[in-house]
Amino acid sequence: YDQKCARLLAVYCNQCMNNSNEFGKKSEEEVGAFVNDILRVFKHVKDKDIFHNTYKESMTKRVLEKKIYNEFAERLMVEKIVELVGKGHCSNLYVILEDLEAVKNEHREFMGTDHARQLPRNQDIAVTVLKSNSWPQKPDAWELHPGPAFGPLMEMD
């Protein structure tokens, strides 16, 4: 019973965070209230590992599918979970957020290069590089979708 509650709570978080129309437009106060409500229930869940694993998988999917609509909410949720269970238990969630930030920085750097300026005007390239072993080990479930602009980049030295 408790495993099911932990999993359902994580699924509920994912559904809320995947709703770009509502969740992406929430203020920091509204996000804080949402996170606090989730954690009020989370405190009573015995199988926190189940919640953590389910949340980590859904967060990973949001990151890889570029469906992080409210990065403040993701960071706040991770910070609050760590406060409750300790950083050692959830450090991989921090690492995923750090990888996300590194990818965004590298993308900005790339877009300032000559290679990026050679892309057609209406095309952009986005590559997510998983830099750590904190990500779930399910590469068969991840799909790669290189766009038409990816071909010339493969020919670079």
Protein backbone atom coordinates (compact mmCIF):
# COMPACT_ATOMS: atom_id res chain seq x y z
CA TYR A 1 0.00 0.00 0.00
CA ASP A 2 2.74 2.47 0.95
CA GLN A 3 4.69 1.76 -2.25
CA LYS A 4 1.62 2.62 -4.26
CA CYS A 5 1.16 5.90 -2.35
CA ALA A 6 4.80 6.85 -2.92
CA ARG A 7 4.57 6.08 -6.64
CA LEU A 8 1.24 7.91 -7.05
CA LEU A 9 2.61 10.99 -5.29
CA ALA A 10 5.57 11.09 -7.69
CA VAL A 11 3.25 10.55 -10.67
CA TYR A 12 1.04 13.42 -9.46
CA CYS A 13 4.12 15.69 -9.23
CA ASN A 14 5.08 14.71 -12.76
CA GLN A 15 1.60 15.38 -14.13
CA CYS A 16 1.55 18.82 -12.53
CA MET A 17 5.06 19.72 -13.68
CA ASN A 18 4.32 18.51 -17.23
CA ASN A 19 1.37 20.88 -17.57
CA SER A 20 2.98 23.83 -19.33
CA ASN A 21 -0.23 25.89 -19.45
CA GLU A 22 -0.70 25.93 -15.71
CA PHE A 23 2.55 25.01 -14.02
CA GLY A 24 4.86 27.01 -16.26
CA LYS A 25 3.03 30.23 -15.39
CA LYS A 26 2.94 29.83 -11.60
CA SER A 27 4.61 32.45 -9.44
CA GLU A 28 7.38 31.50 -7.03
CA GLU A 29 4.90 31.72 -4.14
CA GLU A 30 2.47 29.36 -5.89
CA VAL A 31 5.28 26.94 -6.70
CA GLY A 32 6.44 27.07 -3.08
CA ALA A 33 2.92 26.29 -1.86
CA PHE A 34 2.66 23.36 -4.31
CA VAL A 35 6.02 21.92 -3.22
CA ASN A 36 5.15 22.34 0.46
CA ASP A 37 1.82 20.54 -0.07
CA ILE A 38 3.59 17.64 -1.81
CA LEU A 39 6.19 17.42 0.94
CA ARG A 40 3.55 17.52 3.64
CA VAL A 41 2.31 14.20 2.23
CA PHE A 42 5.85 12.97 1.42
CA LYS A 43 6.85 13.19 5.09
CA HIS A 44 4.33 10.43 5.87
CA VAL A 45 5.38 8.10 3.04
CA LYS A 46 7.45 5.19 4.32
CA ASP A 47 8.87 4.07 0.96
CA LYS A 48 10.69 7.27 0.09
CA ASP A 49 12.97 5.28 -2.24
CA ILE A 50 9.98 4.45 -4.44
CA PHE A 51 9.03 8.13 -4.62
CA HIS A 52 12.64 9.10 -5.31
CA ASN A 53 13.09 6.56 -8.12
CA THR A 54 9.77 7.41 -9.75
CA TYR A 55 10.40 11.15 -9.43
CA LYS A 56 13.93 10.77 -10.80
CA GLU A 57 12.69 8.87 -13.86
CA SER A 58 9.99 11.43 -14.61
CA MET A 59 12.38 14.33 -14.00
CA THR A 60 14.90 12.72 -16.35
CA LYS A 61 12.25 12.38 -19.02
CA ARG A 62 11.24 16.03 -18.58
CA VAL A 63 14.87 17.11 -18.94
CA LEU A 64 15.56 14.98 -22.02
CA GLU A 65 12.30 15.93 -23.73
CA LYS A 66 12.87 19.62 -22.94
CA LYS A 67 9.67 19.76 -20.89
CA ILE A 68 11.02 21.61 -17.87
CA TYR A 69 8.40 24.33 -17.71
CA ASN A 70 9.42 25.72 -14.36
CA GLU A 71 13.06 25.17 -13.46
CA PHE A 72 12.56 26.99 -10.16
CA ALA A 73 9.99 24.33 -9.19
CA GLU A 74 12.36 21.47 -10.08
CA ARG A 75 15.17 22.99 -8.02
CA LEU A 76 12.90 23.78 -5.08
CA MET A 77 11.46 20.25 -5.07
CA VAL A 78 14.96 18.74 -5.05
CA GLU A 79 16.14 21.09 -2.30
CA LYS A 80 13.14 20.29 -0.10
CA ILE A 81 13.45 16.54 -0.65
CA VAL A 82 17.12 16.74 0.30
CA GLU A 83 16.21 18.67 3.46
CA LEU A 84 13.94 15.79 4.48
CA VAL A 85 16.02 12.76 3.55
CA GLY A 86 19.58 14.05 3.28
CA LYS A 87 21.83 14.94 0.38
CA GLY A 88 23.55 11.57 0.26
CA HIS A 89 20.28 9.90 -0.57
CA CYS A 90 19.26 12.36 -3.30
CA SER A 91 22.53 13.78 -4.59
CA ASN A 92 21.82 12.33 -8.04
CA LEU A 93 18.84 14.69 -8.39
CA TYR A 94 21.22 17.61 -7.86
CA VAL A 95 23.62 16.16 -10.42
CA ILE A 96 20.85 15.94 -13.02
CA LEU A 97 20.04 19.63 -12.47
CA GLU A 98 23.74 20.51 -12.69
CA ASP A 99 24.01 18.56 -15.95
CA LEU A 100 20.99 20.46 -17.27
CA GLU A 101 22.62 23.78 -16.41
CA ALA A 102 25.92 22.70 -18.02
CA VAL A 103 24.12 21.67 -21.21
CA LYS A 104 22.35 25.03 -21.38
CA ASN A 105 25.67 26.86 -20.93
CA GLU A 106 27.38 24.73 -23.58
CA HIS A 107 24.48 25.36 -25.96
CA ARG A 108 24.82 29.12 -25.47
CA GLU A 109 28.56 28.84 -26.14
CA PHE A 110 27.98 26.74 -29.27
CA MET A 111 25.41 29.17 -30.64
CA GLY A 112 28.14 31.83 -30.58
CA THR A 113 30.50 29.80 -32.79
CA ASP A 114 31.05 29.89 -36.55
CA HIS A 115 29.53 26.41 -36.85
CA ALA A 116 26.27 27.63 -35.35
CA ARG A 117 26.21 30.63 -37.68
CA GLN A 118 26.34 28.20 -40.63
CA LEU A 119 23.01 26.67 -39.62
CA PRO A 120 20.00 27.78 -41.66
CA ARG A 121 18.25 30.75 -40.03
CA ASN A 122 15.18 28.87 -38.87
CA GLN A 123 17.08 25.93 -37.42
CA ASP A 124 18.71 25.39 -34.08
CA ILE A 125 20.55 22.43 -32.68
CA ALA A 126 20.10 21.09 -29.20
CA VAL A 127 22.16 18.27 -27.79
CA THR A 128 21.76 16.91 -24.29
CA VAL A 129 24.90 15.23 -23.05
CA LEU A 130 24.51 13.06 -19.99
CA LYS A 131 27.67 13.80 -18.08
CA SER A 132 27.28 11.68 -15.01
CA ASN A 133 26.16 8.27 -13.83
CA SER A 134 23.24 9.76 -11.89
CA TRP A 135 20.84 9.27 -14.75
CA PRO A 136 18.56 6.20 -14.88
CA GLN A 137 20.07 3.29 -16.77
CA LYS A 138 17.43 2.90 -19.49
CA PRO A 139 19.08 4.01 -22.74
CA ASP A 140 16.79 1.71 -24.74
CA ALA A 141 13.81 3.87 -23.70
CA TRP A 142 15.46 7.09 -24.87
CA GLU A 143 15.06 8.05 -28.47
CA LEU A 144 17.38 10.25 -30.50
CA HIS A 145 15.79 12.57 -33.03
CA PRO A 146 18.48 14.40 -34.97
CA GLY A 147 17.03 17.17 -37.08
CA PRO A 148 18.00 17.99 -40.68
CA ALA A 149 20.66 20.44 -39.51
CA PHE A 150 22.53 17.65 -37.74
CA GLY A 151 24.00 16.21 -40.97
CA PRO A 152 26.50 19.02 -41.70
CA LEU A 153 27.61 19.03 -38.09
CA MET A 154 28.52 15.34 -38.31
CA GLU A 155 30.97 16.23 -41.10
CA MET A 156 32.94 18.68 -38.93
CA ASP A 157 36.46 17.84 -37.87
